[in-house]
Amino acid sequence: PNEEELISCGVIERPILPIKYPIHSGDIPNQFLSSQSGLLDYLR
């Protein structure tokens, strides 16, 4: 909700996580979860 305003005001960031191919729709949650801790480590 309200994504464009939140980004333009600097409230949130929405980084694009890389995809490991090949991928099916059922793989998306797993890839999301796998990438979260790596993103956290990078930010720290």
PDB file of all heavy atoms in Angstrom:
ATOM      1  N   PRO A   1       0.821  -1.215   0.000  1.00  0.00           N
ATOM      2  CA  PRO A   1       0.000   0.000   0.000  1.00  0.00           C
ATOM      3  C   PRO A   1       0.857   1.269   0.000  1.00  0.00           C
ATOM      4  O   PRO A   1       1.859   1.349   0.711  1.00  0.00           O
ATOM      5  CB  PRO A   1      -0.813  -0.114   1.299  1.00  0.00           C
ATOM      6  CG  PRO A   1      -0.837  -1.574   1.613  1.00  0.00           C
ATOM      7  CD  PRO A   1       0.482  -2.106   1.141  1.00  0.00           C
ATOM      8  N   ASN A   2       0.463   2.227  -0.831  1.00  0.00           N
ATOM      9  CA  ASN A   2       1.095   3.547  -0.839  1.00  0.00           C
ATOM     10  C   ASN A   2       2.596   3.462  -1.171  1.00  0.00           C
ATOM     11  O   ASN A   2       3.403   4.251  -0.684  1.00  0.00           O
ATOM     12  CB  ASN A   2       0.898   4.226   0.517  1.00  0.00           C
ATOM     13  CG  ASN A   2       1.007   5.734   0.452  1.00  0.00           C
ATOM     14  OD1 ASN A   2       0.844   6.326  -0.615  1.00  0.00           O
ATOM     15  ND2 ASN A   2       1.305   6.367   1.570  1.00  0.00           N
ATOM     16  N   GLU A   3       2.958   2.512  -2.000  1.00  0.00           N
ATOM     17  CA  GLU A   3       4.366   2.203  -2.236  1.00  0.00           C
ATOM     18  C   GLU A   3       5.150   3.380  -2.813  1.00  0.00           C
ATOM     19  O   GLU A   3       6.255   3.696  -2.336  1.00  0.00           O
ATOM     20  CB  GLU A   3       4.479   0.995  -3.166  1.00  0.00           C
ATOM     21  CG  GLU A   3       5.905   0.573  -3.448  1.00  0.00           C
ATOM     22  CD  GLU A   3       5.984  -0.755  -4.185  1.00  0.00           C
ATOM     23  OE1 GLU A   3       4.980  -1.503  -4.176  1.00  0.00           O
ATOM     24  OE2 GLU A   3       7.044  -1.041  -4.762  1.00  0.00           O
ATOM     25  N   GLU A   4       4.619   4.024  -3.835  1.00  0.00           N
ATOM     26  CA  GLU A   4       5.370   5.082  -4.506  1.00  0.00           C
ATOM     27  C   GLU A   4       5.662   6.250  -3.569  1.00  0.00           C
ATOM     28  O   GLU A   4       6.775   6.794  -3.554  1.00  0.00           O
ATOM     29  CB  GLU A   4       4.608   5.572  -5.737  1.00  0.00           C
ATOM     30  CG  GLU A   4       4.550   4.549  -6.863  1.00  0.00           C
ATOM     31  CD  GLU A   4       3.923   5.106  -8.116  1.00  0.00           C
ATOM     32  OE1 GLU A   4       3.624   6.323  -8.149  1.00  0.00           O
ATOM     33  OE2 GLU A   4       3.715   4.339  -9.080  1.00  0.00           O
ATOM     34  N   GLU A   5       4.677   6.663  -2.781  1.00  0.00           N
ATOM     35  CA  GLU A   5       4.892   7.773  -1.849  1.00  0.00           C
ATOM     36  C   GLU A   5       5.902   7.395  -0.776  1.00  0.00           C
ATOM     37  O   GLU A   5       6.761   8.204  -0.411  1.00  0.00           O
ATOM     38  CB  GLU A   5       3.572   8.192  -1.200  1.00  0.00           C
ATOM     39  CG  GLU A   5       3.720   9.399  -0.271  1.00  0.00           C
ATOM     40  CD  GLU A   5       2.431   9.795   0.428  1.00  0.00           C
ATOM     41  OE1 GLU A   5       1.459   8.992   0.383  1.00  0.00           O
ATOM     42  OE2 GLU A   5       2.384  10.884   1.025  1.00  0.00           O
ATOM     43  N   LEU A   6       5.817   6.180  -0.265  1.00  0.00           N
ATOM     44  CA  LEU A   6       6.739   5.730   0.777  1.00  0.00           C
ATOM     45  C   LEU A   6       8.179   5.723   0.273  1.00  0.00           C
ATOM     46  O   LEU A   6       9.106   6.123   0.978  1.00  0.00           O
ATOM     47  CB  LEU A   6       6.346   4.339   1.262  1.00  0.00           C
ATOM     48  CG  LEU A   6       5.046   4.244   2.080  1.00  0.00           C
ATOM     49  CD1 LEU A   6       4.565   2.806   2.140  1.00  0.00           C
ATOM     50  CD2 LEU A   6       5.253   4.805   3.479  1.00  0.00           C
ATOM     51  N   ILE A   7       8.370   5.291  -0.961  1.00  0.00           N
ATOM     52  CA  ILE A   7       9.716   5.267  -1.541  1.00  0.00           C
ATOM     53  C   ILE A   7      10.215   6.677  -1.807  1.00  0.00           C
ATOM     54  O   ILE A   7      11.358   7.026  -1.481  1.00  0.00           O
ATOM     55  CB  ILE A   7       9.727   4.431  -2.831  1.00  0.00           C
ATOM     56  CG1 ILE A   7       9.471   2.952  -2.507  1.00  0.00           C
ATOM     57  CG2 ILE A   7      11.067   4.574  -3.560  1.00  0.00           C
ATOM     58  CD1 ILE A   7       9.325   2.065  -3.728  1.00  0.00           C
ATOM     59  N   SER A   8       9.356   7.520  -2.386  1.00  0.00           N
ATOM     60  CA  SER A   8       9.779   8.886  -2.728  1.00  0.00           C
ATOM     61  C   SER A   8      10.100   9.709  -1.494  1.00  0.00           C
ATOM     62  O   SER A   8      10.947  10.607  -1.544  1.00  0.00           O
ATOM     63  CB  SER A   8       8.692   9.583  -3.551  1.00  0.00           C
ATOM     64  OG  SER A   8       7.503   9.753  -2.791  1.00  0.00           O
ATOM     65  N   CYS A   9       9.459   9.394  -0.367  1.00  0.00           N
ATOM     66  CA  CYS A   9       9.722  10.113   0.886  1.00  0.00           C
ATOM     67  C   CYS A   9      10.875   9.496   1.674  1.00  0.00           C
ATOM     68  O   CYS A   9      11.213   9.989   2.761  1.00  0.00           O
ATOM     69  CB  CYS A   9       8.465  10.143   1.754  1.00  0.00           C
ATOM     70  SG  CYS A   9       7.125  11.147   1.094  1.00  0.00           S
ATOM     71  N   GLY A  10      11.455   8.428   1.151  1.00  0.00           N
ATOM     72  CA  GLY A  10      12.583   7.795   1.826  1.00  0.00           C
ATOM     73  C   GLY A  10      12.199   6.977   3.043  1.00  0.00           C
ATOM     74  O   GLY A  10      13.057   6.663   3.875  1.00  0.00           O
ATOM     75  N   VAL A  11      10.927   6.604   3.152  1.00  0.00           N
ATOM     76  CA  VAL A  11      10.468   5.839   4.314  1.00  0.00           C
ATOM     77  C   VAL A  11      10.869   4.380   4.190  1.00  0.00           C
ATOM     78  O   VAL A  11      11.264   3.743   5.171  1.00  0.00           O
ATOM     79  CB  VAL A  11       8.937   5.974   4.469  1.00  0.00           C
ATOM     80  CG1 VAL A  11       8.434   5.094   5.616  1.00  0.00           C
ATOM     81  CG2 VAL A  11       8.551   7.424   4.704  1.00  0.00           C
ATOM     82  N   ILE A  12      10.756   3.829   2.986  1.00  0.00           N
ATOM     83  CA  ILE A  12      11.095   2.432   2.773  1.00  0.00           C
ATOM     84  C   ILE A  12      12.054   2.299   1.596  1.00  0.00           C
ATOM     85  O   ILE A  12      12.174   3.208   0.766  1.00  0.00           O
ATOM     86  CB  ILE A  12       9.842   1.558   2.499  1.00  0.00           C
ATOM     87  CG1 ILE A  12       9.228   1.941   1.140  1.00  0.00           C
ATOM     88  CG2 ILE A  12       8.841   1.657   3.628  1.00  0.00           C
ATOM     89  CD1 ILE A  12       8.179   0.963   0.659  1.00  0.00           C
ATOM     90  N   GLU A  13      12.724   1.162   1.541  1.00  0.00           N
ATOM     91  CA  GLU A  13      13.495   0.759   0.374  1.00  0.00           C
ATOM     92  C   GLU A  13      13.005  -0.618  -0.054  1.00  0.00           C
ATOM     93  O   GLU A  13      12.618  -1.433   0.785  1.00  0.00           O
ATOM     94  CB  GLU A  13      14.988   0.698   0.693  1.00  0.00           C
ATOM     95  CG  GLU A  13      15.607   2.047   1.024  1.00  0.00           C
ATOM     96  CD  GLU A  13      17.093   1.921   1.306  1.00  0.00           C
ATOM     97  OE1 GLU A  13      17.799   1.291   0.492  1.00  0.00           O
ATOM     98  OE2 GLU A  13      17.535   2.424   2.359  1.00  0.00           O
ATOM     99  N   ARG A  14      13.029  -0.857  -1.366  1.00  0.00           N
ATOM    100  CA  ARG A  14      12.553  -2.129  -1.893  1.00  0.00           C
ATOM    101  C   ARG A  14      13.611  -2.750  -2.799  1.00  0.00           C
ATOM    102  O   ARG A  14      13.500  -2.745  -4.030  1.00  0.00           O
ATOM    103  CB  ARG A  14      11.239  -1.935  -2.653  1.00  0.00           C
ATOM    104  CG  ARG A  14      10.112  -1.354  -1.786  1.00  0.00           C
ATOM    105  CD  ARG A  14       8.814  -2.051  -2.047  1.00  0.00           C
ATOM    106  NE  ARG A  14       8.886  -3.486  -1.827  1.00  0.00           N
ATOM    107  CZ  ARG A  14       7.961  -4.349  -2.291  1.00  0.00           C
ATOM    108  NH1 ARG A  14       6.938  -3.901  -2.996  1.00  0.00           N
ATOM    109  NH2 ARG A  14       8.089  -5.636  -2.057  1.00  0.00           N
ATOM    110  N   PRO A  15      14.658  -3.295  -2.222  1.00  0.00           N
ATOM    111  CA  PRO A  15      15.709  -3.911  -3.043  1.00  0.00           C
ATOM    112  C   PRO A  15      15.185  -5.138  -3.786  1.00  0.00           C
ATOM    113  O   PRO A  15      14.331  -5.870  -3.283  1.00  0.00           O
ATOM    114  CB  PRO A  15      16.769  -4.292  -2.011  1.00  0.00           C
ATOM    115  CG  PRO A  15      16.015  -4.457  -0.735  1.00  0.00           C
ATOM    116  CD  PRO A  15      14.919  -3.437  -0.775  1.00  0.00           C
ATOM    117  N   ILE A  16      15.699  -5.331  -4.989  1.00  0.00           N
ATOM    118  CA  ILE A  16      15.322  -6.485  -5.797  1.00  0.00           C
ATOM    119  C   ILE A  16      16.252  -7.647  -5.470  1.00  0.00           C
ATOM    120  O   ILE A  16      17.465  -7.550  -5.655  1.00  0.00           O
ATOM    121  CB  ILE A  16      15.410  -6.156  -7.300  1.00  0.00           C
ATOM    122  CG1 ILE A  16      14.549  -4.921  -7.625  1.00  0.00           C
ATOM    123  CG2 ILE A  16      14.966  -7.359  -8.125  1.00  0.00           C
ATOM    124  CD1 ILE A  16      13.080  -5.114  -7.376  1.00  0.00           C
ATOM    125  N   LEU A  17      15.683  -8.726  -4.976  1.00  0.00           N
ATOM    126  CA  LEU A  17      16.485  -9.901  -4.652  1.00  0.00           C
ATOM    127  C   LEU A  17      16.738 -10.719  -5.909  1.00  0.00           C
ATOM    128  O   LEU A  17      15.845 -10.858  -6.761  1.00  0.00           O
ATOM    129  CB  LEU A  17      15.767 -10.760  -3.613  1.00  0.00           C
ATOM    130  CG  LEU A  17      15.460 -10.081  -2.268  1.00  0.00           C
ATOM    131  CD1 LEU A  17      14.701 -11.049  -1.369  1.00  0.00           C
ATOM    132  CD2 LEU A  17      16.729  -9.603  -1.598  1.00  0.00           C
ATOM    133  N   PRO A  18      17.929 -11.261  -6.063  1.00  0.00           N
ATOM    134  CA  PRO A  18      18.232 -12.050  -7.263  1.00  0.00           C
ATOM    135  C   PRO A  18      17.474 -13.370  -7.269  1.00  0.00           C
ATOM    136  O   PRO A  18      17.127 -13.927  -6.222  1.00  0.00           O
ATOM    137  CB  PRO A  18      19.742 -12.274  -7.148  1.00  0.00           C
ATOM    138  CG  PRO A  18      20.028 -12.203  -5.679  1.00  0.00           C
ATOM    139  CD  PRO A  18      19.073 -11.181  -5.140  1.00  0.00           C
ATOM    140  N   ILE A  19      17.223 -13.864  -8.468  1.00  0.00           N
ATOM    141  CA  ILE A  19      16.523 -15.135  -8.649  1.00  0.00           C
ATOM    142  C   ILE A  19      17.515 -16.196  -9.108  1.00  0.00           C
ATOM    143  O   ILE A  19      18.380 -15.931  -9.933  1.00  0.00           O
ATOM    144  CB  ILE A  19      15.386 -14.993  -9.690  1.00  0.00           C
ATOM    145  CG1 ILE A  19      14.271 -14.110  -9.139  1.00  0.00           C
ATOM    146  CG2 ILE A  19      14.823 -16.361 -10.060  1.00  0.00           C
ATOM    147  CD1 ILE A  19      13.140 -13.884 -10.123  1.00  0.00           C
ATOM    148  N   LYS A  20      17.370 -17.374  -8.562  1.00  0.00           N
ATOM    149  CA  LYS A  20      18.153 -18.507  -9.029  1.00  0.00           C
ATOM    150  C   LYS A  20      17.305 -19.296 -10.021  1.00  0.00           C
ATOM    151  O   LYS A  20      16.230 -19.791  -9.679  1.00  0.00           O
ATOM    152  CB  LYS A  20      18.550 -19.401  -7.842  1.00  0.00           C
ATOM    153  CG  LYS A  20      19.480 -18.728  -6.850  1.00  0.00           C
ATOM    154  CD  LYS A  20      19.824 -19.660  -5.696  1.00  0.00           C
ATOM    155  CE  LYS A  20      20.739 -18.985  -4.690  1.00  0.00           C
ATOM    156  NZ  LYS A  20      21.054 -19.863  -3.542  1.00  0.00           N
ATOM    157  N   TYR A  21      17.791 -19.356 -11.252  1.00  0.00           N
ATOM    158  CA  TYR A  21      17.040 -20.038 -12.316  1.00  0.00           C
ATOM    159  C   TYR A  21      17.513 -21.485 -12.468  1.00  0.00           C
ATOM    160  O   TYR A  21      18.668 -21.792 -12.161  1.00  0.00           O
ATOM    161  CB  TYR A  21      17.225 -19.277 -13.633  1.00  0.00           C
ATOM    162  CG  TYR A  21      16.608 -17.901 -13.628  1.00  0.00           C
ATOM    163  CD1 TYR A  21      17.377 -16.781 -13.336  1.00  0.00           C
ATOM    164  CD2 TYR A  21      15.248 -17.730 -13.905  1.00  0.00           C
ATOM    165  CE1 TYR A  21      16.809 -15.508 -13.334  1.00  0.00           C
ATOM    166  CE2 TYR A  21      14.687 -16.469 -13.906  1.00  0.00           C
ATOM    167  CZ  TYR A  21      15.464 -15.358 -13.615  1.00  0.00           C
ATOM    168  OH  TYR A  21      14.895 -14.099 -13.608  1.00  0.00           O
ATOM    169  N   PRO A  22      16.632 -22.372 -12.961  1.00  0.00           N
ATOM    170  CA  PRO A  22      15.230 -22.144 -13.333  1.00  0.00           C
ATOM    171  C   PRO A  22      14.356 -21.990 -12.090  1.00  0.00           C
ATOM    172  O   PRO A  22      14.713 -22.481 -11.010  1.00  0.00           O
ATOM    173  CB  PRO A  22      14.866 -23.406 -14.113  1.00  0.00           C
ATOM    174  CG  PRO A  22      15.749 -24.462 -13.518  1.00  0.00           C
ATOM    175  CD  PRO A  22      17.044 -23.773 -13.192  1.00  0.00           C
ATOM    176  N   ILE A  23      13.219 -21.318 -12.257  1.00  0.00           N
ATOM    177  CA  ILE A  23      12.340 -21.063 -11.120  1.00  0.00           C
ATOM    178  C   ILE A  23      10.891 -21.264 -11.527  1.00  0.00           C
ATOM    179  O   ILE A  23      10.493 -20.962 -12.662  1.00  0.00           O
ATOM    180  CB  ILE A  23      12.544 -19.631 -10.566  1.00  0.00           C
ATOM    181  CG1 ILE A  23      11.720 -19.427  -9.295  1.00  0.00           C
ATOM    182  CG2 ILE A  23      12.188 -18.582 -11.616  1.00  0.00           C
ATOM    183  CD1 ILE A  23      12.009 -18.124  -8.579  1.00  0.00           C
ATOM    184  N   HIS A  24      10.113 -21.810 -10.617  1.00  0.00           N
ATOM    185  CA  HIS A  24       8.669 -21.954 -10.787  1.00  0.00           C
ATOM    186  C   HIS A  24       7.994 -21.120  -9.699  1.00  0.00           C
ATOM    187  O   HIS A  24       8.621 -20.732  -8.708  1.00  0.00           O
ATOM    188  CB  HIS A  24       8.254 -23.415 -10.676  1.00  0.00           C
ATOM    189  CG  HIS A  24       8.956 -24.317 -11.642  1.00  0.00           C
ATOM    190  ND1 HIS A  24       8.618 -24.384 -12.973  1.00  0.00           N
ATOM    191  CD2 HIS A  24       9.997 -25.172 -11.463  1.00  0.00           C
ATOM    192  CE1 HIS A  24       9.414 -25.249 -13.586  1.00  0.00           C
ATOM    193  NE2 HIS A  24      10.257 -25.742 -12.691  1.00  0.00           N
ATOM    194  N   SER A  25       6.714 -20.837  -9.879  1.00  0.00           N
ATOM    195  CA  SER A  25       6.004 -19.985  -8.921  1.00  0.00           C
ATOM    196  C   SER A  25       6.079 -20.544  -7.503  1.00  0.00           C
ATOM    197  O   SER A  25       6.153 -19.791  -6.528  1.00  0.00           O
ATOM    198  CB  SER A  25       4.542 -19.814  -9.348  1.00  0.00           C
ATOM    199  OG  SER A  25       3.887 -21.080  -9.418  1.00  0.00           O
ATOM    200  N   GLY A  26       6.101 -21.874  -7.380  1.00  0.00           N
ATOM    201  CA  GLY A  26       6.180 -22.470  -6.051  1.00  0.00           C
ATOM    202  C   GLY A  26       7.519 -22.295  -5.374  1.00  0.00           C
ATOM    203  O   GLY A  26       7.648 -22.518  -4.164  1.00  0.00           O
ATOM    204  N   ASP A  27       8.532 -21.884  -6.144  1.00  0.00           N
ATOM    205  CA  ASP A  27       9.865 -21.683  -5.577  1.00  0.00           C
ATOM    206  C   ASP A  27      10.051 -20.299  -4.963  1.00  0.00           C
ATOM    207  O   ASP A  27      11.030 -20.071  -4.241  1.00  0.00           O
ATOM    208  CB  ASP A  27      10.940 -21.862  -6.659  1.00  0.00           C
ATOM    209  CG  ASP A  27      10.921 -23.246  -7.278  1.00  0.00           C
ATOM    210  OD1 ASP A  27      10.569 -24.194  -6.550  1.00  0.00           O
ATOM    211  OD2 ASP A  27      11.245 -23.363  -8.467  1.00  0.00           O
ATOM    212  N   ILE A  28       9.132 -19.371  -5.253  1.00  0.00           N
ATOM    213  CA  ILE A  28       9.324 -17.972  -4.848  1.00  0.00           C
ATOM    214  C   ILE A  28       9.453 -17.820  -3.333  1.00  0.00           C
ATOM    215  O   ILE A  28      10.380 -17.156  -2.854  1.00  0.00           O
ATOM    216  CB  ILE A  28       8.173 -17.097  -5.399  1.00  0.00           C
ATOM    217  CG1 ILE A  28       8.236 -17.072  -6.923  1.00  0.00           C
ATOM    218  CG2 ILE A  28       8.272 -15.673  -4.840  1.00  0.00           C
ATOM    219  CD1 ILE A  28       7.063 -16.372  -7.561  1.00  0.00           C
ATOM    220  N   PRO A  29       8.543 -18.395  -2.530  1.00  0.00           N
ATOM    221  CA  PRO A  29       8.694 -18.238  -1.072  1.00  0.00           C
ATOM    222  C   PRO A  29      10.039 -18.729  -0.558  1.00  0.00           C
ATOM    223  O   PRO A  29      10.668 -18.073   0.280  1.00  0.00           O
ATOM    224  CB  PRO A  29       7.533 -19.048  -0.509  1.00  0.00           C
ATOM    225  CG  PRO A  29       6.520 -19.085  -1.595  1.00  0.00           C
ATOM    226  CD  PRO A  29       7.322 -19.149  -2.861  1.00  0.00           C
ATOM    227  N   ASN A  30      10.502 -19.878  -1.057  1.00  0.00           N
ATOM    228  CA  ASN A  30      11.787 -20.410  -0.606  1.00  0.00           C
ATOM    229  C   ASN A  30      12.930 -19.464  -0.940  1.00  0.00           C
ATOM    230  O   ASN A  30      13.836 -19.250  -0.121  1.00  0.00           O
ATOM    231  CB  ASN A  30      12.038 -21.779  -1.240  1.00  0.00           C
ATOM    232  CG  ASN A  30      11.062 -22.833  -0.778  1.00  0.00           C
ATOM    233  OD1 ASN A  30       9.853 -22.679  -0.938  1.00  0.00           O
ATOM    234  ND2 ASN A  30      11.567 -23.904  -0.209  1.00  0.00           N
ATOM    235  N   GLN A  31      12.896 -18.894  -2.147  1.00  0.00           N
ATOM    236  CA  GLN A  31      13.966 -17.987  -2.541  1.00  0.00           C
ATOM    237  C   GLN A  31      13.905 -16.682  -1.745  1.00  0.00           C
ATOM    238  O   GLN A  31      14.939 -16.111  -1.394  1.00  0.00           O
ATOM    239  CB  GLN A  31      13.905 -17.723  -4.044  1.00  0.00           C
ATOM    240  CG  GLN A  31      14.267 -18.932  -4.880  1.00  0.00           C
ATOM    241  CD  GLN A  31      14.933 -18.570  -6.196  1.00  0.00           C
ATOM    242  OE1 GLN A  31      15.459 -17.479  -6.369  1.00  0.00           O
ATOM    243  NE2 GLN A  31      14.914 -19.512  -7.124  1.00  0.00           N
ATOM    244  N   PHE A  32      12.698 -16.202  -1.478  1.00  0.00           N
ATOM    245  CA  PHE A  32      12.547 -15.027  -0.625  1.00  0.00           C
ATOM    246  C   PHE A  32      13.210 -15.269   0.729  1.00  0.00           C
ATOM    247  O   PHE A  32      14.013 -14.470   1.220  1.00  0.00           O
ATOM    248  CB  PHE A  32      11.064 -14.721  -0.400  1.00  0.00           C
ATOM    249  CG  PHE A  32      10.592 -13.459  -1.065  1.00  0.00           C
ATOM    250  CD1 PHE A  32       9.416 -13.441  -1.785  1.00  0.00           C
ATOM    251  CD2 PHE A  32      11.303 -12.276  -0.959  1.00  0.00           C
ATOM    252  CE1 PHE A  32       8.960 -12.288  -2.399  1.00  0.00           C
ATOM    253  CE2 PHE A  32      10.863 -11.107  -1.555  1.00  0.00           C
ATOM    254  CZ  PHE A  32       9.680 -11.123  -2.283  1.00  0.00           C
ATOM    255  N   LEU A  33      12.851 -16.382   1.357  1.00  0.00           N
ATOM    256  CA  LEU A  33      13.357 -16.686   2.688  1.00  0.00           C
ATOM    257  C   LEU A  33      14.866 -16.916   2.682  1.00  0.00           C
ATOM    258  O   LEU A  33      15.571 -16.490   3.594  1.00  0.00           O
ATOM    259  CB  LEU A  33      12.641 -17.917   3.246  1.00  0.00           C
ATOM    260  CG  LEU A  33      11.157 -17.708   3.606  1.00  0.00           C
ATOM    261  CD1 LEU A  33      10.461 -19.049   3.793  1.00  0.00           C
ATOM    262  CD2 LEU A  33      11.019 -16.859   4.852  1.00  0.00           C
ATOM    263  N   SER A  34      15.353 -17.570   1.644  1.00  0.00           N
ATOM    264  CA  SER A  34      16.791 -17.841   1.559  1.00  0.00           C
ATOM    265  C   SER A  34      17.591 -16.550   1.443  1.00  0.00           C
ATOM    266  O   SER A  34      18.719 -16.457   1.937  1.00  0.00           O
ATOM    267  CB  SER A  34      17.083 -18.740   0.354  1.00  0.00           C
ATOM    268  OG  SER A  34      16.477 -19.994   0.501  1.00  0.00           O
ATOM    269  N   SER A  35      17.021 -15.564   0.774  1.00  0.00           N
ATOM    270  CA  SER A  35      17.737 -14.308   0.527  1.00  0.00           C
ATOM    271  C   SER A  35      17.703 -13.349   1.713  1.00  0.00           C
ATOM    272  O   SER A  35      18.546 -12.458   1.816  1.00  0.00           O
ATOM    273  CB  SER A  35      17.156 -13.606  -0.705  1.00  0.00           C
ATOM    274  OG  SER A  35      17.254 -14.411  -1.846  1.00  0.00           O
ATOM    275  N   GLN A  36      16.726 -13.521   2.628  1.00  0.00           N
ATOM    276  CA  GLN A  36      16.554 -12.533   3.680  1.00  0.00           C
ATOM    277  C   GLN A  36      17.751 -12.441   4.609  1.00  0.00           C
ATOM    278  O   GLN A  36      18.229 -11.349   4.924  1.00  0.00           O
ATOM    279  CB  GLN A  36      15.294 -12.821   4.498  1.00  0.00           C
ATOM    280  CG  GLN A  36      14.973 -11.687   5.485  1.00  0.00           C
ATOM    281  CD  GLN A  36      13.793 -12.022   6.397  1.00  0.00           C
ATOM    282  OE1 GLN A  36      13.673 -13.148   6.866  1.00  0.00           O
ATOM    283  NE2 GLN A  36      12.940 -11.048   6.647  1.00  0.00           N
ATOM    284  N   SER A  37      18.268 -13.577   5.046  1.00  0.00           N
ATOM    285  CA  SER A  37      19.386 -13.538   5.989  1.00  0.00           C
ATOM    286  C   SER A  37      20.643 -13.007   5.315  1.00  0.00           C
ATOM    287  O   SER A  37      21.463 -12.332   5.951  1.00  0.00           O
ATOM    288  CB  SER A  37      19.644 -14.926   6.589  1.00  0.00           C
ATOM    289  OG  SER A  37      19.944 -15.867   5.577  1.00  0.00           O
ATOM    290  N   GLY A  38      20.822 -13.295   3.999  1.00  0.00           N
ATOM    291  CA  GLY A  38      21.961 -12.747   3.276  1.00  0.00           C
ATOM    292  C   GLY A  38      21.887 -11.244   3.168  1.00  0.00           C
ATOM    293  O   GLY A  38      22.900 -10.545   3.319  1.00  0.00           O
ATOM    294  N   LEU A  39      20.682 -10.718   2.919  1.00  0.00           N
ATOM    295  CA  LEU A  39      20.487  -9.268   2.872  1.00  0.00           C
ATOM    296  C   LEU A  39      20.751  -8.649   4.235  1.00  0.00           C
ATOM    297  O   LEU A  39      21.373  -7.586   4.342  1.00  0.00           O
ATOM    298  CB  LEU A  39      19.058  -8.961   2.412  1.00  0.00           C
ATOM    299  CG  LEU A  39      18.642  -7.487   2.361  1.00  0.00           C
ATOM    300  CD1 LEU A  39      19.558  -6.689   1.442  1.00  0.00           C
ATOM    301  CD2 LEU A  39      17.179  -7.371   1.915  1.00  0.00           C
ATOM    302  N   LEU A  40      20.300  -9.317   5.287  1.00  0.00           N
ATOM    303  CA  LEU A  40      20.545  -8.822   6.643  1.00  0.00           C
ATOM    304  C   LEU A  40      22.040  -8.755   6.941  1.00  0.00           C
ATOM    305  O   LEU A  40      22.532  -7.757   7.481  1.00  0.00           O
ATOM    306  CB  LEU A  40      19.847  -9.720   7.658  1.00  0.00           C
ATOM    307  CG  LEU A  40      20.021  -9.338   9.125  1.00  0.00           C
ATOM    308  CD1 LEU A  40      19.264  -8.058   9.449  1.00  0.00           C
ATOM    309  CD2 LEU A  40      19.550 -10.472  10.035  1.00  0.00           C
ATOM    310  N   ASP A  41      22.770  -9.800   6.590  1.00  0.00           N
ATOM    311  CA  ASP A  41      24.223  -9.815   6.816  1.00  0.00           C
ATOM    312  C   ASP A  41      24.895  -8.671   6.066  1.00  0.00           C
ATOM    313  O   ASP A  41      25.800  -8.010   6.602  1.00  0.00           O
ATOM    314  CB  ASP A  41      24.815 -11.149   6.371  1.00  0.00           C
ATOM    315  CG  ASP A  41      24.414 -12.304   7.275  1.00  0.00           C
ATOM    316  OD1 ASP A  41      23.994 -12.033   8.414  1.00  0.00           O
ATOM    317  OD2 ASP A  41      24.509 -13.463   6.821  1.00  0.00           O
ATOM    318  N   TYR A  42      24.479  -8.434   4.827  1.00  0.00           N
ATOM    319  CA  TYR A  42      25.052  -7.358   4.027  1.00  0.00           C
ATOM    320  C   TYR A  42      24.812  -5.998   4.684  1.00  0.00           C
ATOM    321  O   TYR A  42      25.735  -5.175   4.805  1.00  0.00           O
ATOM    322  CB  TYR A  42      24.449  -7.378   2.625  1.00  0.00           C
ATOM    323  CG  TYR A  42      24.807  -6.175   1.789  1.00  0.00           C
ATOM    324  CD1 TYR A  42      26.036  -6.107   1.121  1.00  0.00           C
ATOM    325  CD2 TYR A  42      23.937  -5.094   1.679  1.00  0.00           C
ATOM    326  CE1 TYR A  42      26.379  -4.995   0.359  1.00  0.00           C
ATOM    327  CE2 TYR A  42      24.265  -3.978   0.929  1.00  0.00           C
ATOM    328  CZ  TYR A  42      25.490  -3.938   0.275  1.00  0.00           C
ATOM    329  OH  TYR A  42      25.818  -2.824  -0.470  1.00  0.00           O
ATOM    330  N   LEU A  43      23.595  -5.752   5.129  1.00  0.00           N
ATOM    331  CA  LEU A  43      23.262  -4.464   5.743  1.00  0.00           C
ATOM    332  C   LEU A  43      24.035  -4.258   7.041  1.00  0.00           C
ATOM    333  O   LEU A  43      24.474  -3.147   7.344  1.00  0.00           O
ATOM    334  CB  LEU A  43      21.756  -4.381   6.001  1.00  0.00           C
ATOM    335  CG  LEU A  43      20.874  -4.277   4.751  1.00  0.00           C
ATOM    336  CD1 LEU A  43      19.408  -4.497   5.107  1.00  0.00           C
ATOM    337  CD2 LEU A  43      21.050  -2.924   4.080  1.00  0.00           C
ATOM    338  N   ARG A  44      24.203  -5.321   7.814  1.00  0.00           N
ATOM    339  CA  ARG A  44      24.944  -5.193   9.068  1.00  0.00           C
ATOM    340  C   ARG A  44      26.417  -4.868   8.833  1.00  0.00           C
ATOM    341  O   ARG A  44      27.040  -4.199   9.655  1.00  0.00           O
ATOM    342  CB  ARG A  44      24.798  -6.478   9.890  1.00  0.00           C
ATOM    343  CG  ARG A  44      23.434  -6.606  10.557  1.00  0.00           C
ATOM    344  CD  ARG A  44      23.250  -7.933  11.269  1.00  0.00           C
ATOM    345  NE  ARG A  44      22.009  -7.943  12.039  1.00  0.00           N
ATOM    346  CZ  ARG A  44      21.474  -9.023  12.591  1.00  0.00           C
ATOM    347  NH1 ARG A  44      22.087 -10.198  12.459  1.00  0.00           N
ATOM    348  NH2 ARG A  44      20.345  -8.950  13.273  1.00  0.00           N
TER     349      ARG A  44
END
